[in-house]
C-alpha atoms as a PDB file:
ATOM      1  CA  MET A   1      54.498 -11.774  32.427  1.00  0.00           C
ATOM      2  CA  THR A   2      58.050 -11.934  33.758  1.00  0.00           C
ATOM      3  CA  GLU A   3      57.210 -10.316  37.080  1.00  0.00           C
ATOM      4  CA  PHE A   4      54.243 -10.411  39.409  1.00  0.00           C
ATOM      5  CA  LYS A   5      51.732  -7.571  39.675  1.00  0.00           C
ATOM      6  CA  ARG A   6      50.389  -6.003  42.857  1.00  0.00           C
ATOM      7  CA  ILE A   7      46.599  -5.789  42.763  1.00  0.00           C
ATOM      8  CA  PRO A   8      43.795  -4.461  45.018  1.00  0.00           C
ATOM      9  CA  PRO A   9      41.110  -6.765  46.453  1.00  0.00           C
ATOM     10  CA  GLU A  10      38.611  -5.774  43.757  1.00  0.00           C
ATOM     11  CA  GLN A  11      40.892  -7.016  40.980  1.00  0.00           C
ATOM     12  CA  ALA A  12      41.715 -10.159  42.968  1.00  0.00           C
ATOM     13  CA  GLN A  13      37.988 -10.836  43.317  1.00  0.00           C
ATOM     14  CA  ARG A  14      37.502 -10.514  39.540  1.00  0.00           C
ATOM     15  CA  LEU A  15      40.388 -12.935  38.938  1.00  0.00           C
ATOM     16  CA  ARG A  16      38.921 -15.317  41.509  1.00  0.00           C
ATOM     17  CA  GLU A  17      35.572 -15.238  39.731  1.00  0.00           C
ATOM     18  CA  GLN A  18      37.403 -16.125  36.513  1.00  0.00           C
ATOM     19  CA  GLY A  19      39.018 -19.177  38.115  1.00  0.00           C
ATOM     20  CA  ALA A  20      42.337 -17.855  39.420  1.00  0.00           C
ATOM     21  CA  VAL A  21      44.038 -19.971  42.079  1.00  0.00           C
ATOM     22  CA  VAL A  22      44.355 -18.139  45.419  1.00  0.00           C
ATOM     23  CA  VAL A  23      47.161 -19.251  47.734  1.00  0.00           C
ATOM     24  CA  ASP A  24      47.477 -18.061  51.323  1.00  0.00           C
ATOM     25  CA  ILE A  25      50.978 -18.075  52.834  1.00  0.00           C
ATOM     26  CA  ARG A  26      50.056 -17.068  56.384  1.00  0.00           C
ATOM     27  CA  ASP A  27      50.743 -19.489  59.229  1.00  0.00           C
ATOM     28  CA  PRO A  28      48.507 -22.599  59.385  1.00  0.00           C
ATOM     29  CA  GLN A  29      46.635 -21.595  62.550  1.00  0.00           C
ATOM     30  CA  THR A  30      45.744 -18.152  61.210  1.00  0.00           C
ATOM     31  CA  TYR A  31      44.696 -19.631  57.867  1.00  0.00           C
ATOM     32  CA  ALA A  32      42.503 -22.183  59.660  1.00  0.00           C
ATOM     33  CA  SER A  33      40.759 -19.495  61.694  1.00  0.00           C
ATOM     34  CA  LYS A  34      39.819 -17.359  58.666  1.00  0.00           C
ATOM     35  CA  HIS A  35      40.836 -17.203  54.992  1.00  0.00           C
ATOM     36  CA  ILE A  36      39.554 -16.237  51.556  1.00  0.00           C
ATOM     37  CA  SER A  37      36.880 -18.722  50.513  1.00  0.00           C
ATOM     38  CA  GLY A  38      38.331 -21.328  48.173  1.00  0.00           C
ATOM     39  CA  SER A  39      41.944 -20.374  48.836  1.00  0.00           C
ATOM     40  CA  ARG A  40      44.636 -22.949  49.392  1.00  0.00           C
ATOM     41  CA  HIS A  41      47.157 -22.804  52.215  1.00  0.00           C
ATOM     42  CA  LEU A  42      50.745 -22.896  50.996  1.00  0.00           C
ATOM     43  CA  ASP A  43      53.824 -23.294  53.177  1.00  0.00           C
ATOM     44  CA  ASN A  44      57.332 -24.723  52.940  1.00  0.00           C
ATOM     45  CA  HIS A  45      55.933 -28.249  53.353  1.00  0.00           C
ATOM     46  CA  SER A  46      53.346 -28.045  50.566  1.00  0.00           C
ATOM     47  CA  LEU A  47      55.186 -25.717  48.163  1.00  0.00           C
ATOM     48  CA  HIS A  48      57.128 -28.324  46.149  1.00  0.00           C
ATOM     49  CA  ASP A  49      54.043 -30.498  45.610  1.00  0.00           C
ATOM     50  CA  PHE A  50      51.963 -27.445  44.666  1.00  0.00           C
ATOM     51  CA  ILE A  51      54.521 -26.324  42.073  1.00  0.00           C
ATOM     52  CA  ALA A  52      54.852 -29.841  40.649  1.00  0.00           C
ATOM     53  CA  LYS A  53      51.081 -30.202  40.118  1.00  0.00           C
ATOM     54  CA  ALA A  54      50.103 -26.634  39.216  1.00  0.00           C
ATOM     55  CA  ASP A  55      49.156 -25.197  35.849  1.00  0.00           C
ATOM     56  CA  LEU A  56      52.001 -22.690  35.481  1.00  0.00           C
ATOM     57  CA  ASP A  57      49.929 -20.550  33.105  1.00  0.00           C
ATOM     58  CA  ALA A  58      46.838 -20.256  35.334  1.00  0.00           C
ATOM     59  CA  PRO A  59      46.382 -16.923  37.144  1.00  0.00           C
ATOM     60  CA  LEU A  60      47.724 -17.169  40.705  1.00  0.00           C
ATOM     61  CA  VAL A  61      46.937 -14.698  43.511  1.00  0.00           C
ATOM     62  CA  VAL A  62      49.248 -14.794  46.554  1.00  0.00           C
ATOM     63  CA  VAL A  63      47.848 -13.622  49.912  1.00  0.00           C
ATOM     64  CA  CYS A  64      49.582 -12.887  53.225  1.00  0.00           C
ATOM     65  CA  TYR A  65      48.656 -10.752  56.248  1.00  0.00           C
ATOM     66  CA  HIS A  66      49.174  -7.222  54.883  1.00  0.00           C
ATOM     67  CA  GLY A  67      50.575  -7.642  51.349  1.00  0.00           C
ATOM     68  CA  ASN A  68      54.310  -7.599  52.126  1.00  0.00           C
ATOM     69  CA  SER A  69      55.385 -11.247  52.370  1.00  0.00           C
ATOM     70  CA  SER A  70      53.180 -12.127  49.414  1.00  0.00           C
ATOM     71  CA  GLN A  71      55.410 -10.013  47.169  1.00  0.00           C
ATOM     72  CA  SER A  72      58.459 -12.162  47.940  1.00  0.00           C
ATOM     73  CA  ALA A  73      56.424 -15.328  47.525  1.00  0.00           C
ATOM     74  CA  ALA A  74      54.984 -14.075  44.218  1.00  0.00           C
ATOM     75  CA  ALA A  75      58.475 -13.263  42.922  1.00  0.00           C
ATOM     76  CA  TYR A  76      59.613 -16.760  43.913  1.00  0.00           C
ATOM     77  CA  LEU A  77      56.677 -18.378  42.108  1.00  0.00           C
ATOM     78  CA  VAL A  78      57.490 -16.373  38.969  1.00  0.00           C
ATOM     79  CA  SER A  79      61.073 -17.681  39.222  1.00  0.00           C
ATOM     80  CA  GLN A  80      59.639 -21.220  39.377  1.00  0.00           C
ATOM     81  CA  GLY A  81      57.885 -20.803  36.032  1.00  0.00           C
ATOM     82  CA  PHE A  82      54.474 -19.364  36.902  1.00  0.00           C
ATOM     83  CA  SER A  83      53.544 -16.843  34.224  1.00  0.00           C
ATOM     84  CA  ASP A  84      50.528 -14.973  35.644  1.00  0.00           C
ATOM     85  CA  VAL A  85      51.186 -14.119  39.306  1.00  0.00           C
ATOM     86  CA  TYR A  86      49.622 -11.431  41.504  1.00  0.00           C
ATOM     87  CA  SER A  87      50.253 -10.208  45.051  1.00  0.00           C
ATOM     88  CA  LEU A  88      47.198  -8.995  46.968  1.00  0.00           C
ATOM     89  CA  ASP A  89      47.839  -5.444  48.174  1.00  0.00           C
ATOM     90  CA  GLY A  90      46.696  -5.038  51.763  1.00  0.00           C
ATOM     91  CA  GLY A  91      46.671  -8.813  52.213  1.00  0.00           C
ATOM     92  CA  PHE A  92      43.971 -10.737  53.995  1.00  0.00           C
ATOM     93  CA  GLU A  93      43.443  -7.900  56.480  1.00  0.00           C
ATOM     94  CA  LEU A  94      42.227  -5.568  53.718  1.00  0.00           C
ATOM     95  CA  TRP A  95      40.378  -8.376  51.912  1.00  0.00           C
ATOM     96  CA  ARG A  96      38.231  -9.191  54.949  1.00  0.00           C
ATOM     97  CA  THR A  97      37.146  -5.557  55.315  1.00  0.00           C
ATOM     98  CA  VAL A  98      36.215  -5.286  51.618  1.00  0.00           C
ATOM     99  CA  TYR A  99      34.711  -8.802  51.212  1.00  0.00           C
ATOM    100  CA  PRO A 100      33.710 -10.067  54.670  1.00  0.00           C
ATOM    101  CA  ALA A 101      31.234 -12.528  53.140  1.00  0.00           C
ATOM    102  CA  GLU A 102      34.023 -14.053  51.016  1.00  0.00           C
ATOM    103  CA  THR A 103      35.932 -15.490  53.982  1.00  0.00           C
ATOM    104  CA  ALA A 104      35.742 -18.959  55.497  1.00  0.00           C
ATOM    105  CA  GLU A 105      36.945 -20.953  58.462  1.00  0.00           C
ATOM    106  CA  SER A 106      38.557 -24.353  58.083  1.00  0.00           C
ATOM    107  CA  THR A 107      36.522 -27.161  59.496  1.00  0.00           C
ATOM    108  CA  PRO A 108      38.357 -29.809  61.509  1.00  0.00           C
ATOM    109  CA  GLU A 109      38.722 -33.048  59.567  1.00  0.00           C
END
């Protein structure tokens, strides 16, 4: 895959069940209040480390608020060598209406 693909929540859920990595690029406070269960928060501070340690061939689903910013982030990750990248259409806002039980809150450490 040389470009990312835009996918609906149902396809993202199937990929998740198959072990895809889900990264959430929303701001830290919003991510902490509610996010897709098992997703990882990714921002400018954690991006380099994530790329350095990631399996570039593993499926990667990028999530933002409504599915717009995730497209730019997905394109960037493809340019960094990731080969199987997806942008969640509708973002977290659509996800939480389709899969409300598949969301979590971060617990303070």
